[in-house]
Amino acid sequence: KNKTVGFNLGALDYIVKPFNMEEVKARVKTHLMLHLAQQELSVQNELLEQRVYERTKEILHVQQATIM
């Protein structure tokens, strides 16, 4: 039950004592890589949203020009 309390509060992982330093390093590396991947995904998502916005604006402009 104590393990679920931490996860319910937002923890992503836990390490029990006594711990193995190699395991700690591997977990930290994994979490850092995940964080970097999430940041890159966020950047790519913003770029994609900007491209969709610009393309939609172009299409609307062409449609308005065609109607007139």
Protein backbone atom coordinates (compact mmCIF):
# COMPACT_ATOMS: atom_id res chain seq x y z
CA LYS A 1 0.00 0.00 0.00
CA ASN A 2 2.83 2.45 0.76
CA LYS A 3 4.05 2.08 -2.83
CA THR A 4 0.71 3.12 -4.31
CA VAL A 5 0.54 6.25 -2.14
CA GLY A 6 3.64 7.63 -3.82
CA PHE A 7 2.32 6.85 -7.29
CA ASN A 8 -1.01 8.46 -6.42
CA LEU A 9 0.92 11.59 -5.45
CA GLY A 10 2.67 11.70 -8.82
CA ALA A 11 5.77 9.54 -8.39
CA LEU A 12 6.99 7.81 -11.55
CA ASP A 13 9.31 5.29 -9.95
CA TYR A 14 10.82 4.23 -6.67
CA ILE A 15 13.95 2.53 -5.40
CA VAL A 16 14.08 0.33 -2.32
CA LYS A 17 16.95 0.02 0.14
CA PRO A 18 19.44 -1.48 -0.03
CA PHE A 19 19.83 -0.23 -3.59
CA ASN A 20 22.19 -1.16 -6.38
CA MET A 21 24.02 1.89 -7.77
CA GLU A 22 23.93 0.52 -11.33
CA GLU A 23 20.16 0.19 -11.11
CA VAL A 24 19.87 3.76 -9.80
CA LYS A 25 22.02 5.06 -12.66
CA ALA A 26 19.97 3.11 -15.21
CA ARG A 27 16.69 4.43 -13.83
CA VAL A 28 17.95 8.02 -13.73
CA LYS A 29 19.24 7.71 -17.30
CA THR A 30 15.89 6.29 -18.43
CA HIS A 31 13.95 9.12 -16.78
CA LEU A 32 16.27 11.75 -18.28
CA MET A 33 15.89 10.23 -21.75
CA LEU A 34 12.12 10.13 -21.31
CA HIS A 35 12.11 13.78 -20.25
CA LEU A 36 14.18 14.79 -23.28
CA ALA A 37 11.91 12.79 -25.60
CA GLN A 38 8.84 14.49 -24.13
CA GLN A 39 10.44 17.91 -24.64
CA GLU A 40 11.25 17.08 -28.26
CA LEU A 41 7.72 15.80 -28.80
CA SER A 42 6.35 19.04 -27.42
CA VAL A 43 8.55 21.10 -29.77
CA GLN A 44 7.55 18.98 -32.77
CA ASN A 45 3.88 19.26 -31.80
CA GLU A 46 4.12 23.05 -31.66
CA LEU A 47 5.78 23.10 -35.08
CA LEU A 48 3.09 20.84 -36.52
CA GLU A 49 0.33 22.99 -35.06
CA GLN A 50 1.93 26.08 -36.61
CA ARG A 51 2.15 24.36 -40.01
CA VAL A 52 -1.51 23.30 -39.80
CA TYR A 53 -2.51 26.86 -38.86
CA GLU A 54 -0.55 28.35 -41.75
CA ARG A 55 -1.86 25.80 -44.25
CA THR A 56 -5.45 26.33 -43.08
CA LYS A 57 -4.99 30.08 -43.49
CA GLU A 58 -3.70 29.55 -47.04
CA ILE A 59 -6.64 27.33 -47.94
CA LEU A 60 -9.16 29.82 -46.57
CA HIS A 61 -7.44 32.62 -48.49
CA VAL A 62 -7.64 30.64 -51.75
CA GLN A 63 -11.30 29.76 -51.10
CA GLN A 64 -12.17 33.41 -50.45
CA ALA A 65 -10.35 34.51 -53.61
CA THR A 66 -12.21 31.88 -55.64
CA ILE A 67 -15.61 32.95 -54.30
CA MET A 68 -15.02 36.62 -55.17
